[in-house]
Amino acid sequence: MKELKFRNATPEDLTRIVEIYNSTIPSRMVTADTEDITVESRVQWFHEHTPDRRPLWMIEDLEGIILGWVSFSSFYGRPAYNGTVELSIYMAENSRGKGYGKKVLQYCIDNASKFDVKTLLGFIFLHNEPSLKLFRHFGFENWGVFPDVAVLDGVERTLVIVGKRIE
């Protein structure tokens, strides 16, 4: 497996971020979006991430090839939740299923305290068994189950919120 590098995303990365995100939509396993999003629709989201507080990292191999991205997003938007983030990991299609997720999630756990993050959350569909397995490997537990809250192609889907305290 390739070694990974993490770097802060730049505005020039937004097109690739959106391409990778959109590549996950057809599987109906990763996101509740059902149609491709646009770069323009993600500009505000991009600027809500800052290198010192809510990082958005590009994941690259040692040759600088972008393999995916990962972000810490504020949870619920209120100051009392500043120590809690939603973690999102998106890998490019040709990088999925190769074990990179473990390296990415370990990096996030190892670096969370640098951003005063004490709680990591993942919002994962119940039928997304690979992602649930990945997060559970690192000790994330079910903290919330929202039965049949999403409808994807006429099929009701359950959302699981997994969480882990970082000490």
Protein backbone atom coordinates (compact mmCIF):
# COMPACT_ATOMS: atom_id res chain seq x y z
CA MET A 1 0.00 0.00 0.00
CA LYS A 2 1.18 3.49 -0.80
CA GLU A 3 2.30 5.93 1.85
CA LEU A 4 -0.09 8.82 2.33
CA LYS A 5 0.45 12.56 2.64
CA PHE A 6 -2.09 14.98 4.05
CA ARG A 7 -2.15 18.64 3.09
CA ASN A 8 -4.59 21.46 3.59
CA ALA A 9 -6.98 21.84 0.68
CA THR A 10 -6.77 24.97 -1.45
CA PRO A 11 -9.53 26.58 -3.52
CA GLU A 12 -7.92 24.96 -6.57
CA ASP A 13 -8.73 21.54 -5.05
CA LEU A 14 -12.46 22.20 -4.91
CA THR A 15 -13.12 20.82 -8.40
CA ARG A 16 -11.39 17.52 -7.49
CA ILE A 17 -13.18 17.41 -4.12
CA VAL A 18 -16.53 17.69 -5.89
CA GLU A 19 -15.53 15.10 -8.52
CA ILE A 20 -14.64 12.59 -5.81
CA TYR A 21 -17.83 13.35 -3.87
CA ASN A 22 -19.99 13.00 -6.99
CA SER A 23 -18.35 9.67 -7.79
CA THR A 24 -19.91 8.24 -4.60
CA ILE A 25 -23.49 9.27 -5.38
CA PRO A 26 -24.45 6.39 -7.76
CA SER A 27 -23.64 3.72 -5.13
CA ARG A 28 -26.38 5.09 -2.82
CA MET A 29 -24.17 4.02 0.09
CA VAL A 30 -22.25 7.13 1.11
CA THR A 31 -24.32 10.28 0.71
CA ALA A 32 -27.97 11.30 0.75
CA ASP A 33 -27.41 13.41 -2.36
CA THR A 34 -29.09 11.76 -5.32
CA GLU A 35 -27.75 13.99 -8.11
CA ASP A 36 -24.33 15.49 -8.74
CA ILE A 37 -23.50 18.66 -6.84
CA THR A 38 -21.69 21.64 -8.34
CA VAL A 39 -18.46 23.31 -7.37
CA GLU A 40 -20.43 26.54 -6.82
CA SER A 41 -22.70 24.80 -4.31
CA ARG A 42 -19.66 23.80 -2.23
CA VAL A 43 -17.86 27.15 -2.02
CA GLN A 44 -19.43 28.17 1.31
CA TRP A 45 -18.84 24.67 2.74
CA PHE A 46 -15.20 24.90 1.62
CA HIS A 47 -14.72 28.23 3.42
CA GLU A 48 -16.24 26.83 6.62
CA HIS A 49 -13.07 24.72 6.86
CA THR A 50 -9.92 26.35 8.18
CA PRO A 51 -6.46 24.84 8.67
CA ASP A 52 -6.35 25.93 12.32
CA ARG A 53 -9.80 24.80 13.46
CA ARG A 54 -11.79 22.70 10.97
CA PRO A 55 -9.33 21.13 8.55
CA LEU A 56 -10.10 19.91 5.07
CA TRP A 57 -7.22 17.72 3.99
CA MET A 58 -6.34 16.37 0.59
CA ILE A 59 -5.01 12.81 0.75
CA GLU A 60 -2.17 12.17 -1.69
CA ASP A 61 0.37 9.51 -2.44
CA LEU A 62 4.06 10.38 -2.39
CA GLU A 63 3.92 11.35 -6.07
CA GLY A 64 1.23 13.95 -5.34
CA ILE A 65 -1.65 11.98 -6.86
CA ILE A 66 -4.89 12.87 -5.04
CA LEU A 67 -6.43 9.74 -3.55
CA GLY A 68 -9.24 11.43 -1.63
CA TRP A 69 -10.10 14.02 0.98
CA VAL A 70 -11.16 14.18 4.60
CA SER A 71 -12.80 16.94 6.62
CA PHE A 72 -13.68 17.96 10.15
CA SER A 73 -17.02 19.81 10.09
CA SER A 74 -18.60 21.65 12.98
CA PHE A 75 -21.39 19.76 14.68
CA TYR A 76 -24.69 21.56 15.17
CA GLY A 77 -23.18 25.05 14.86
CA ARG A 78 -23.36 26.09 18.49
CA PRO A 79 -20.33 27.07 20.65
CA ALA A 80 -20.95 24.41 23.29
CA TYR A 81 -20.24 21.79 20.61
CA ASN A 82 -16.88 23.23 19.52
CA GLY A 83 -15.06 20.11 20.74
CA THR A 84 -17.17 17.85 18.51
CA VAL A 85 -16.76 17.36 14.76
CA GLU A 86 -18.34 15.32 12.04
CA LEU A 87 -15.67 13.39 10.18
CA SER A 88 -16.11 12.82 6.45
CA ILE A 89 -13.80 10.61 4.40
CA TYR A 90 -14.15 10.40 0.62
CA MET A 91 -11.78 8.34 -1.48
CA ALA A 92 -11.43 8.49 -5.26
CA GLU A 93 -12.98 5.55 -7.06
CA ASN A 94 -9.65 3.86 -7.85
CA SER A 95 -8.51 4.27 -4.22
CA ARG A 96 -11.43 2.54 -2.51
CA GLY A 97 -11.13 -0.86 -0.87
CA LYS A 98 -7.35 -0.70 -0.63
CA GLY A 99 -6.99 -0.12 3.11
CA TYR A 100 -6.40 3.63 2.90
CA GLY A 101 -9.40 4.30 5.12
CA LYS A 102 -7.57 2.87 8.14
CA LYS A 103 -4.61 5.17 7.58
CA VAL A 104 -6.89 8.18 7.08
CA LEU A 105 -9.00 7.50 10.16
CA GLN A 106 -5.88 6.88 12.29
CA TYR A 107 -4.46 10.21 11.09
CA CYS A 108 -7.68 11.98 12.10
CA ILE A 109 -7.70 10.38 15.54
CA ASP A 110 -4.01 11.18 16.05
CA ASN A 111 -4.46 14.83 15.06
CA ALA A 112 -7.85 15.64 16.57
CA SER A 113 -6.42 17.13 19.77
CA LYS A 114 -4.46 19.72 17.73
CA PHE A 115 -7.85 21.23 16.89
CA ASP A 116 -9.26 20.96 20.44
CA VAL A 117 -11.50 18.13 19.22
CA LYS A 118 -12.54 15.70 21.92
CA THR A 119 -15.34 13.91 20.06
CA LEU A 120 -15.39 12.50 16.54
CA LEU A 121 -18.68 11.60 14.88
CA GLY A 122 -19.43 9.68 11.72
CA PHE A 123 -22.81 9.79 9.97
CA ILE A 124 -23.04 6.48 8.08
CA PHE A 125 -25.90 4.63 6.40
CA LEU A 126 -26.62 1.28 8.05
CA HIS A 127 -26.23 -0.52 4.71
CA ASN A 128 -22.72 0.96 4.26
CA GLU A 129 -21.09 -1.99 5.98
CA PRO A 130 -17.50 -1.22 4.84
CA SER A 131 -17.58 2.23 6.47
CA LEU A 132 -19.23 0.96 9.64
CA LYS A 133 -16.60 -1.79 9.87
CA LEU A 134 -13.82 0.78 9.41
CA PHE A 135 -15.07 3.07 12.16
CA ARG A 136 -15.81 0.19 14.54
CA HIS A 137 -12.25 -1.08 14.01
CA PHE A 138 -11.12 2.13 15.75
CA GLY A 139 -13.57 1.82 18.63
CA PHE A 140 -16.37 4.02 17.37
CA GLU A 141 -19.69 3.01 18.90
CA ASN A 142 -23.29 3.53 17.84
CA TRP A 143 -24.49 6.75 19.46
CA GLY A 144 -27.65 7.17 17.48
CA VAL A 145 -29.82 5.26 15.05
CA PHE A 146 -32.34 7.05 12.85
CA PRO A 147 -34.51 4.35 11.28
CA ASP A 148 -35.58 4.85 7.67
CA VAL A 149 -34.90 8.63 7.63
CA ALA A 150 -33.59 8.70 4.05
CA VAL A 151 -35.18 7.47 0.84
CA LEU A 152 -32.77 6.49 -1.92
CA ASP A 153 -34.35 5.30 -5.17
CA GLY A 154 -37.54 4.44 -3.33
CA VAL A 155 -35.75 2.46 -0.59
CA GLU A 156 -35.88 3.73 2.99
CA ARG A 157 -32.45 3.81 4.60
CA THR A 158 -31.33 4.03 8.22
CA LEU A 159 -28.68 6.49 9.36
CA VAL A 160 -26.27 5.50 12.13
CA ILE A 161 -24.26 8.06 14.06
CA VAL A 162 -21.09 6.57 15.43
CA GLY A 163 -18.92 8.37 17.93
CA LYS A 164 -15.61 8.19 19.72
CA ARG A 165 -14.13 10.27 22.50
CA ILE A 166 -10.53 11.32 21.96
CA GLU A 167 -8.58 11.57 25.21
